[in-house]
C-alpha atoms as a PDB file:
ATOM      1  CA  MET A   1       0.000   0.000   0.000  1.00  0.00           C
ATOM      2  CA  PHE A   2       2.905   2.344   0.755  1.00  0.00           C
ATOM      3  CA  ILE A   3       4.441   1.900  -2.706  1.00  0.00           C
ATOM      4  CA  ALA A   4       0.997   2.415  -4.251  1.00  0.00           C
ATOM      5  CA  SER A   5       0.615   5.649  -2.274  1.00  0.00           C
ATOM      6  CA  LYS A   6       3.971   6.884  -3.589  1.00  0.00           C
ATOM      7  CA  LEU A   7       2.891   6.099  -7.146  1.00  0.00           C
ATOM      8  CA  LEU A   8      -0.376   7.909  -6.488  1.00  0.00           C
ATOM      9  CA  ALA A   9       1.537  10.913  -5.157  1.00  0.00           C
ATOM     10  CA  PHE A  10       3.510  11.069  -8.405  1.00  0.00           C
ATOM     11  CA  LEU A  11       0.498  10.674 -10.678  1.00  0.00           C
ATOM     12  CA  THR A  12      -1.401  13.445  -8.893  1.00  0.00           C
ATOM     13  CA  GLN A  13       1.351  15.982  -9.560  1.00  0.00           C
ATOM     14  CA  PRO A  14       0.142  18.267 -12.379  1.00  0.00           C
ATOM     15  CA  LEU A  15       3.690  18.864 -13.577  1.00  0.00           C
ATOM     16  CA  ALA A  16       3.998  15.116 -14.177  1.00  0.00           C
ATOM     17  CA  TRP A  17       1.082  15.418 -16.586  1.00  0.00           C
ATOM     18  CA  VAL A  18       2.844  18.224 -18.417  1.00  0.00           C
ATOM     19  CA  ALA A  19       5.992  16.106 -18.639  1.00  0.00           C
ATOM     20  CA  ALA A  20       3.974  13.173 -20.007  1.00  0.00           C
ATOM     21  CA  LEU A  21       2.389  15.383 -22.673  1.00  0.00           C
ATOM     22  CA  LEU A  22       5.778  16.810 -23.653  1.00  0.00           C
ATOM     23  CA  LEU A  23       7.163  13.296 -23.972  1.00  0.00           C
ATOM     24  CA  GLY A  24       4.212  12.315 -26.146  1.00  0.00           C
ATOM     25  CA  ALA A  25       4.760  15.366 -28.344  1.00  0.00           C
ATOM     26  CA  LEU A  26       8.441  14.508 -28.764  1.00  0.00           C
ATOM     27  CA  VAL A  27       7.581  10.943 -29.764  1.00  0.00           C
ATOM     28  CA  LEU A  28       5.071  12.110 -32.365  1.00  0.00           C
ATOM     29  CA  LEU A  29       7.338  14.817 -33.763  1.00  0.00           C
ATOM     30  CA  GLY A  30      10.296  12.458 -33.895  1.00  0.00           C
ATOM     31  CA  ARG A  31       8.671   9.773 -36.016  1.00  0.00           C
ATOM     32  CA  ASN A  32      10.232   9.319 -39.469  1.00  0.00           C
ATOM     33  CA  ASN A  33       7.160   8.360 -41.450  1.00  0.00           C
ATOM     34  CA  ALA A  34       6.663   9.609 -44.969  1.00  0.00           C
ATOM     35  CA  GLY A  35       3.737  11.169 -46.781  1.00  0.00           C
ATOM     36  CA  ALA A  36       0.350  11.735 -45.201  1.00  0.00           C
ATOM     37  CA  ARG A  37       1.220   9.745 -42.069  1.00  0.00           C
ATOM     38  CA  ALA A  38       4.204  12.004 -41.370  1.00  0.00           C
ATOM     39  CA  HIS A  39       2.024  15.074 -41.762  1.00  0.00           C
ATOM     40  CA  LEU A  40      -0.562  13.591 -39.364  1.00  0.00           C
ATOM     41  CA  HIS A  41       2.065  12.835 -36.718  1.00  0.00           C
ATOM     42  CA  GLN A  42       3.537  16.314 -37.032  1.00  0.00           C
ATOM     43  CA  ARG A  43       0.105  17.908 -36.647  1.00  0.00           C
ATOM     44  CA  ARG A  44      -0.803  15.766 -33.641  1.00  0.00           C
ATOM     45  CA  GLY A  45       2.591  16.383 -32.086  1.00  0.00           C
ATOM     46  CA  ARG A  46       2.100  20.137 -32.308  1.00  0.00           C
ATOM     47  CA  GLN A  47      -1.385  19.797 -30.824  1.00  0.00           C
ATOM     48  CA  VAL A  48      -0.064  17.831 -27.857  1.00  0.00           C
ATOM     49  CA  LEU A  49       2.746  20.350 -27.423  1.00  0.00           C
ATOM     50  CA  TRP A  50       0.272  23.233 -27.276  1.00  0.00           C
ATOM     51  CA  LEU A  51      -1.903  21.239 -24.858  1.00  0.00           C
ATOM     52  CA  ALA A  52       1.096  20.788 -22.538  1.00  0.00           C
ATOM     53  CA  PHE A  53       1.848  24.510 -22.737  1.00  0.00           C
ATOM     54  CA  ALA A  54      -1.785  25.444 -21.985  1.00  0.00           C
ATOM     55  CA  LEU A  55      -1.935  23.018 -19.047  1.00  0.00           C
ATOM     56  CA  LEU A  56       1.276  24.459 -17.639  1.00  0.00           C
ATOM     57  CA  LEU A  57      -0.017  28.019 -17.873  1.00  0.00           C
ATOM     58  CA  LEU A  58      -3.397  27.110 -16.359  1.00  0.00           C
ATOM     59  CA  GLN A  59      -1.748  25.566 -13.299  1.00  0.00           C
ATOM     60  CA  GLY A  60      -0.467  28.945 -12.191  1.00  0.00           C
ATOM     61  CA  TRP A  61      -3.891  30.606 -11.965  1.00  0.00           C
ATOM     62  CA  GLU A  62      -4.554  30.173  -8.248  1.00  0.00           C
ATOM     63  CA  PRO A  63      -8.283  31.011  -7.961  1.00  0.00           C
ATOM     64  CA  LEU A  64      -9.180  27.716  -9.624  1.00  0.00           C
ATOM     65  CA  PRO A  65      -7.394  25.268  -7.267  1.00  0.00           C
ATOM     66  CA  ASP A  66      -8.249  27.559  -4.340  1.00  0.00           C
ATOM     67  CA  ALA A  67     -11.951  27.092  -5.071  1.00  0.00           C
ATOM     68  CA  PHE A  68     -11.573  23.338  -4.533  1.00  0.00           C
ATOM     69  CA  LEU A  69      -9.241  23.677  -1.547  1.00  0.00           C
ATOM     70  CA  ARG A  70     -11.521  26.208   0.132  1.00  0.00           C
ATOM     71  CA  ARG A  71     -14.431  23.810  -0.116  1.00  0.00           C
ATOM     72  CA  MET A  72     -12.319  21.080   1.478  1.00  0.00           C
ATOM     73  CA  GLU A  73     -11.131  23.368   4.266  1.00  0.00           C
ATOM     74  CA  ASP A  74     -14.323  25.249   5.150  1.00  0.00           C
ATOM     75  CA  SER A  75     -15.806  22.296   7.039  1.00  0.00           C
ATOM     76  CA  TYR A  76     -13.055  22.420   9.663  1.00  0.00           C
ATOM     77  CA  THR A  77     -12.691  26.057  10.694  1.00  0.00           C
ATOM     78  CA  ARG A  78     -13.914  25.657  14.299  1.00  0.00           C
ATOM     79  CA  THR A  79     -11.488  24.548  16.993  1.00  0.00           C
ATOM     80  CA  PRO A  80     -12.199  23.713  20.674  1.00  0.00           C
ATOM     81  CA  THR A  81     -11.882  26.569  23.163  1.00  0.00           C
ATOM     82  CA  ALA A  82      -9.456  26.513  26.069  1.00  0.00           C
ATOM     83  CA  GLN A  83     -12.289  25.459  28.389  1.00  0.00           C
ATOM     84  CA  GLU A  84     -13.345  22.643  26.044  1.00  0.00           C
ATOM     85  CA  LEU A  85      -9.798  21.295  25.989  1.00  0.00           C
ATOM     86  CA  GLN A  86     -10.262  20.036  29.537  1.00  0.00           C
ATOM     87  CA  GLY A  87     -12.127  16.991  28.256  1.00  0.00           C
ATOM     88  CA  TYR A  88      -9.345  15.715  26.009  1.00  0.00           C
ATOM     89  CA  GLN A  89      -6.577  13.255  26.789  1.00  0.00           C
ATOM     90  CA  GLY A  90      -4.261  14.496  24.097  1.00  0.00           C
ATOM     91  CA  VAL A  91      -3.673  15.709  20.571  1.00  0.00           C
ATOM     92  CA  VAL A  92      -2.710  13.378  17.735  1.00  0.00           C
ATOM     93  CA  VAL A  93      -0.289  15.216  15.459  1.00  0.00           C
ATOM     94  CA  LEU A  94       0.103  13.761  11.978  1.00  0.00           C
ATOM     95  CA  GLY A  95       3.504  13.885  10.348  1.00  0.00           C
ATOM     96  CA  GLY A  96       4.222  15.820   7.196  1.00  0.00           C
ATOM     97  CA  ALA A  97       5.618  19.081   8.568  1.00  0.00           C
ATOM     98  CA  LEU A  98       9.267  18.064   8.844  1.00  0.00           C
ATOM     99  CA  GLU A  99      11.828  18.152   6.069  1.00  0.00           C
ATOM    100  CA  PRO A 100      13.290  14.775   4.976  1.00  0.00           C
ATOM    101  CA  SER A 101      15.966  13.298   7.184  1.00  0.00           C
ATOM    102  CA  TYR A 102      18.763  14.126   4.734  1.00  0.00           C
ATOM    103  CA  GLY A 103      17.916  17.801   5.251  1.00  0.00           C
ATOM    104  CA  TRP A 104      18.799  17.444   8.926  1.00  0.00           C
ATOM    105  CA  GLU A 105      22.208  15.849   8.441  1.00  0.00           C
ATOM    106  CA  GLY A 106      25.104  18.070   9.424  1.00  0.00           C
ATOM    107  CA  ARG A 107      22.846  20.850  10.730  1.00  0.00           C
ATOM    108  CA  SER A 108      22.301  22.032  14.281  1.00  0.00           C
ATOM    109  CA  GLN A 109      18.752  23.328  13.756  1.00  0.00           C
ATOM    110  CA  VAL A 110      15.468  21.572  13.121  1.00  0.00           C
ATOM    111  CA  ALA A 111      14.024  21.846   9.597  1.00  0.00           C
ATOM    112  CA  LEU A 112      10.299  22.452   9.123  1.00  0.00           C
ATOM    113  CA  ASN A 113       8.484  22.732   5.805  1.00  0.00           C
ATOM    114  CA  GLU A 114       5.459  24.780   4.676  1.00  0.00           C
ATOM    115  CA  ALA A 115       3.144  22.744   6.956  1.00  0.00           C
ATOM    116  CA  ALA A 116       5.033  23.905  10.084  1.00  0.00           C
ATOM    117  CA  GLU A 117       1.758  24.761  11.875  1.00  0.00           C
ATOM    118  CA  ARG A 118       1.291  21.036  12.490  1.00  0.00           C
ATOM    119  CA  MET A 119       4.312  21.141  14.792  1.00  0.00           C
ATOM    120  CA  VAL A 120       3.942  24.619  16.297  1.00  0.00           C
ATOM    121  CA  VAL A 121       0.226  24.769  17.203  1.00  0.00           C
ATOM    122  CA  PRO A 122       0.423  21.853  19.705  1.00  0.00           C
ATOM    123  CA  LEU A 123       2.884  23.896  21.759  1.00  0.00           C
ATOM    124  CA  ALA A 124       0.196  26.515  22.387  1.00  0.00           C
ATOM    125  CA  LEU A 125      -2.279  23.767  23.303  1.00  0.00           C
ATOM    126  CA  LEU A 126       0.134  22.444  25.919  1.00  0.00           C
ATOM    127  CA  ARG A 127       0.254  25.834  27.557  1.00  0.00           C
ATOM    128  CA  GLN A 128      -3.553  25.998  27.665  1.00  0.00           C
ATOM    129  CA  LYS A 129      -3.948  22.524  29.163  1.00  0.00           C
ATOM    130  CA  PRO A 130      -0.979  21.477  31.349  1.00  0.00           C
ATOM    131  CA  ASP A 131      -1.815  17.752  31.351  1.00  0.00           C
ATOM    132  CA  LEU A 132      -2.473  17.400  27.603  1.00  0.00           C
ATOM    133  CA  GLN A 133      -0.396  14.750  25.832  1.00  0.00           C
ATOM    134  CA  ILE A 134       1.116  14.979  22.357  1.00  0.00           C
ATOM    135  CA  LEU A 135       0.975  11.832  20.256  1.00  0.00           C
ATOM    136  CA  PHE A 136       3.088  12.348  17.171  1.00  0.00           C
ATOM    137  CA  THR A 137       2.728   9.746  14.432  1.00  0.00           C
ATOM    138  CA  GLY A 138       5.051   9.389  11.456  1.00  0.00           C
ATOM    139  CA  GLY A 139       7.752   6.996  10.279  1.00  0.00           C
ATOM    140  CA  GLU A 140      10.204   7.331   7.405  1.00  0.00           C
ATOM    141  CA  GLY A 141       8.120   8.579   4.508  1.00  0.00           C
ATOM    142  CA  ALA A 142      10.786   8.342   1.804  1.00  0.00           C
ATOM    143  CA  LEU A 143      10.528   5.324  -0.484  1.00  0.00           C
ATOM    144  CA  LEU A 144      14.126   4.229   0.165  1.00  0.00           C
ATOM    145  CA  GLY A 145      14.712   6.298   3.280  1.00  0.00           C
ATOM    146  CA  GLN A 146      16.992   4.905   5.964  1.00  0.00           C
ATOM    147  CA  GLY A 147      17.650   7.994   8.057  1.00  0.00           C
ATOM    148  CA  LEU A 148      15.876   9.386  11.076  1.00  0.00           C
ATOM    149  CA  SER A 149      12.185   8.587  11.185  1.00  0.00           C
ATOM    150  CA  GLU A 150       9.842  11.542  11.303  1.00  0.00           C
ATOM    151  CA  ALA A 151       9.040  10.650  14.902  1.00  0.00           C
ATOM    152  CA  ASP A 152      12.744  10.869  15.761  1.00  0.00           C
ATOM    153  CA  ARG A 153      12.897  14.293  14.127  1.00  0.00           C
ATOM    154  CA  ALA A 154       9.756  15.313  16.028  1.00  0.00           C
ATOM    155  CA  ARG A 155      11.415  14.278  19.293  1.00  0.00           C
ATOM    156  CA  ILE A 156      14.356  16.554  18.522  1.00  0.00           C
ATOM    157  CA  PHE A 157      12.014  19.428  17.699  1.00  0.00           C
ATOM    158  CA  TYR A 158       9.806  19.084  20.781  1.00  0.00           C
ATOM    159  CA  GLN A 159      12.793  18.633  23.077  1.00  0.00           C
ATOM    160  CA  SER A 160      14.264  21.857  21.682  1.00  0.00           C
ATOM    161  CA  MET A 161      10.922  23.533  22.509  1.00  0.00           C
ATOM    162  CA  GLY A 162      11.102  22.334  26.117  1.00  0.00           C
ATOM    163  CA  VAL A 163       8.321  19.715  25.965  1.00  0.00           C
ATOM    164  CA  PRO A 164       8.830  17.206  28.818  1.00  0.00           C
ATOM    165  CA  PRO A 165       9.404  13.636  27.555  1.00  0.00           C
ATOM    166  CA  GLU A 166       6.559  12.322  29.712  1.00  0.00           C
ATOM    167  CA  ARG A 167       4.076  14.437  27.748  1.00  0.00           C
ATOM    168  CA  LEU A 168       5.157  13.019  24.392  1.00  0.00           C
ATOM    169  CA  TRP A 169       4.160   9.770  22.693  1.00  0.00           C
ATOM    170  CA  LEU A 170       5.940   8.881  19.458  1.00  0.00           C
ATOM    171  CA  GLU A 171       4.821   6.390  16.826  1.00  0.00           C
ATOM    172  CA  ASP A 172       7.639   5.799  14.333  1.00  0.00           C
ATOM    173  CA  ARG A 173       6.464   3.063  11.929  1.00  0.00           C
ATOM    174  CA  SER A 174       3.561   4.573   9.985  1.00  0.00           C
ATOM    175  CA  ARG A 175       4.005   5.814   6.428  1.00  0.00           C
ATOM    176  CA  THR A 176       0.385   6.499   5.416  1.00  0.00           C
ATOM    177  CA  THR A 177      -2.670   8.062   7.048  1.00  0.00           C
ATOM    178  CA  TYR A 178      -4.179   4.608   7.521  1.00  0.00           C
ATOM    179  CA  GLU A 179      -1.041   3.426   9.316  1.00  0.00           C
ATOM    180  CA  ASN A 180      -1.064   6.617  11.427  1.00  0.00           C
ATOM    181  CA  ALA A 181      -4.437   5.557  12.835  1.00  0.00           C
ATOM    182  CA  ALA A 182      -3.732   1.826  13.110  1.00  0.00           C
ATOM    183  CA  PHE A 183      -0.253   1.940  14.629  1.00  0.00           C
ATOM    184  CA  SER A 184      -0.935   4.824  17.018  1.00  0.00           C
ATOM    185  CA  ALA A 185      -3.841   2.896  18.548  1.00  0.00           C
ATOM    186  CA  LYS A 186      -1.405   0.127  19.550  1.00  0.00           C
ATOM    187  CA  LEU A 187       0.988   2.334  21.546  1.00  0.00           C
ATOM    188  CA  PRO A 188       1.217   1.363  25.233  1.00  0.00           C
ATOM    189  CA  GLY A 189      -0.986   3.607  27.359  1.00  0.00           C
ATOM    190  CA  VAL A 190      -2.964   5.005  24.423  1.00  0.00           C
ATOM    191  CA  ASP A 191      -6.748   4.565  24.584  1.00  0.00           C
ATOM    192  CA  PRO A 192      -8.391   5.502  21.248  1.00  0.00           C
ATOM    193  CA  GLY A 193     -11.769   5.517  23.019  1.00  0.00           C
ATOM    194  CA  GLN A 194     -10.795   8.591  25.039  1.00  0.00           C
ATOM    195  CA  ARG A 195     -11.344  12.025  23.529  1.00  0.00           C
ATOM    196  CA  TRP A 196      -8.509  13.150  21.285  1.00  0.00           C
ATOM    197  CA  LEU A 197      -7.849  16.148  19.100  1.00  0.00           C
ATOM    198  CA  LEU A 198      -6.776  15.219  15.592  1.00  0.00           C
ATOM    199  CA  LEU A 199      -4.391  17.866  14.287  1.00  0.00           C
ATOM    200  CA  THR A 200      -3.423  18.014  10.637  1.00  0.00           C
ATOM    201  CA  SER A 201      -3.608  20.333   7.637  1.00  0.00           C
ATOM    202  CA  ALA A 202      -7.136  21.528   6.876  1.00  0.00           C
ATOM    203  CA  TRP A 203      -7.044  20.188   3.311  1.00  0.00           C
ATOM    204  CA  HIS A 204      -6.109  16.727   4.653  1.00  0.00           C
ATOM    205  CA  MET A 205      -8.623  16.667   7.500  1.00  0.00           C
ATOM    206  CA  ARG A 206     -11.529  14.991   5.679  1.00  0.00           C
ATOM    207  CA  ARG A 207      -9.515  11.870   4.848  1.00  0.00           C
ATOM    208  CA  ALA A 208      -7.765  11.872   8.213  1.00  0.00           C
ATOM    209  CA  MET A 209     -11.035  12.082  10.165  1.00  0.00           C
ATOM    210  CA  ALA A 210     -12.662   9.342   8.096  1.00  0.00           C
ATOM    211  CA  THR A 211      -9.638   7.089   8.553  1.00  0.00           C
ATOM    212  CA  PHE A 212      -9.265   7.578  12.310  1.00  0.00           C
ATOM    213  CA  GLU A 213     -12.987   7.185  12.964  1.00  0.00           C
ATOM    214  CA  LYS A 214     -13.011   3.998  10.878  1.00  0.00           C
ATOM    215  CA  ALA A 215     -10.150   2.715  13.051  1.00  0.00           C
ATOM    216  CA  GLY A 216     -12.194   3.343  16.225  1.00  0.00           C
ATOM    217  CA  TRP A 217     -10.722   6.630  17.408  1.00  0.00           C
ATOM    218  CA  ASN A 218     -12.823   9.213  19.266  1.00  0.00           C
ATOM    219  CA  VAL A 219     -11.384  12.281  17.565  1.00  0.00           C
ATOM    220  CA  THR A 220     -12.326  15.926  17.134  1.00  0.00           C
ATOM    221  CA  PRO A 221     -10.806  17.808  14.173  1.00  0.00           C
ATOM    222  CA  TYR A 222      -8.284  20.548  14.909  1.00  0.00           C
ATOM    223  CA  ALA A 223      -7.392  21.918  11.488  1.00  0.00           C
ATOM    224  CA  VAL A 224      -4.254  23.975  10.888  1.00  0.00           C
ATOM    225  CA  ASP A 225      -2.108  24.925   7.888  1.00  0.00           C
ATOM    226  CA  PHE A 226      -4.944  26.410   5.840  1.00  0.00           C
ATOM    227  CA  ALA A 227      -3.955  26.839   2.196  1.00  0.00           C
ATOM    228  CA  THR A 228      -6.712  29.351   1.393  1.00  0.00           C
ATOM    229  CA  GLY A 229      -8.421  32.386   2.880  1.00  0.00           C
ATOM    230  CA  SER A 230     -11.994  33.524   2.408  1.00  0.00           C
ATOM    231  CA  GLN A 231     -11.239  34.624  -1.150  1.00  0.00           C
ATOM    232  CA  THR A 232      -8.475  34.665  -3.739  1.00  0.00           C
ATOM    233  CA  PRO A 233      -7.738  37.679  -5.976  1.00  0.00           C
ATOM    234  CA  TRP A 234      -8.421  36.925  -9.610  1.00  0.00           C
ATOM    235  CA  THR A 235      -4.946  38.235 -10.423  1.00  0.00           C
ATOM    236  CA  ALA A 236      -3.168  35.730  -8.139  1.00  0.00           C
ATOM    237  CA  TYR A 237      -0.789  33.759 -10.341  1.00  0.00           C
ATOM    238  CA  SER A 238       2.169  31.564  -9.478  1.00  0.00           C
ATOM    239  CA  LEU A 239       3.306  28.411 -11.227  1.00  0.00           C
ATOM    240  CA  VAL A 240       4.970  27.217  -8.025  1.00  0.00           C
ATOM    241  CA  ARG A 241       2.023  27.797  -5.683  1.00  0.00           C
ATOM    242  CA  GLY A 242      -0.604  26.846  -8.255  1.00  0.00           C
ATOM    243  CA  SER A 243       1.034  23.544  -9.109  1.00  0.00           C
ATOM    244  CA  ARG A 244       1.394  22.677  -5.427  1.00  0.00           C
ATOM    245  CA  LYS A 245      -2.252  23.503  -4.729  1.00  0.00           C
ATOM    246  CA  TRP A 246      -3.475  21.401  -7.638  1.00  0.00           C
ATOM    247  CA  GLY A 247      -1.325  18.570  -6.314  1.00  0.00           C
ATOM    248  CA  LEU A 248      -2.987  18.846  -2.897  1.00  0.00           C
ATOM    249  CA  VAL A 249      -6.478  18.795  -4.415  1.00  0.00           C
ATOM    250  CA  LEU A 250      -5.836  15.821  -6.666  1.00  0.00           C
ATOM    251  CA  HIS A 251      -3.959  13.827  -4.036  1.00  0.00           C
ATOM    252  CA  GLU A 252      -6.671  14.220  -1.415  1.00  0.00           C
ATOM    253  CA  VAL A 253      -9.610  13.572  -3.761  1.00  0.00           C
ATOM    254  CA  VAL A 254      -8.046  10.459  -5.264  1.00  0.00           C
ATOM    255  CA  GLY A 255      -6.711   9.342  -1.872  1.00  0.00           C
ATOM    256  CA  LEU A 256     -10.143   9.559  -0.250  1.00  0.00           C
ATOM    257  CA  MET A 257     -11.691   7.624  -3.118  1.00  0.00           C
ATOM    258  CA  VAL A 258      -9.088   4.864  -2.750  1.00  0.00           C
ATOM    259  CA  TYR A 259      -9.474   4.732   1.033  1.00  0.00           C
ATOM    260  CA  ARG A 260     -13.244   4.408   0.749  1.00  0.00           C
ATOM    261  CA  ALA A 261     -12.984   1.761  -1.954  1.00  0.00           C
ATOM    262  CA  THR A 262     -10.615  -0.298   0.204  1.00  0.00           C
ATOM    263  CA  GLY A 263     -12.618   0.130   3.406  1.00  0.00           C
ATOM    264  CA  ARG A 264     -10.040   2.277   5.166  1.00  0.00           C
ATOM    265  CA  ALA A 265     -12.232   5.347   5.475  1.00  0.00           C
END
């Protein structure tokens, strides 16, 4: 399932589609047929080339992917108040906010990525509720990774932030959202039937909630790392941001469909 998820992650990258179209155009334009067939291949090759160019340009127009992301995120805008936190045993923090282990080698500082809120927000929750536990779940997400697991990197981060070891549970084997839920439930001292906050990126929350509830967890969503605001200017354009946002949309939609089809959500 892990290898399949990595393949899915590649196929849901819009730039991979552009690369596939460019490759197809090169194949068509490079054929050495003669006569009418050569003319047909040349014409189709140019059409595919223009399609790749149009798809690349469209990816940068942010209002379109933001419309889908906003719909995914708007269901999880409310978070429990400080008073409501008293009824929770802990917060389950899903991995995904730490740079790969090779980015930590030879450096003296922790390395967070664009989803850093996943790691930072729990620190504020600990201050609001002194006895709240952090359960961080995440193994080595790289296909051939053999370095520090994400849980090991999380330990380094939370220790640097002064979090006492007794307030921190670490699950270091999971590589997918399904494994996050299944493996975390088996940690000594963890009771999935107690009330837990489930903290992850807002765009990922729908699949995460469905997966954890299917696995028997009593979780309340605590969404962070919102990718959209209430509106997006029509002039917002960035190939980097737009491509990433389309990747998030496609990955979550396809991922949820697969999880439901396989009974994992």
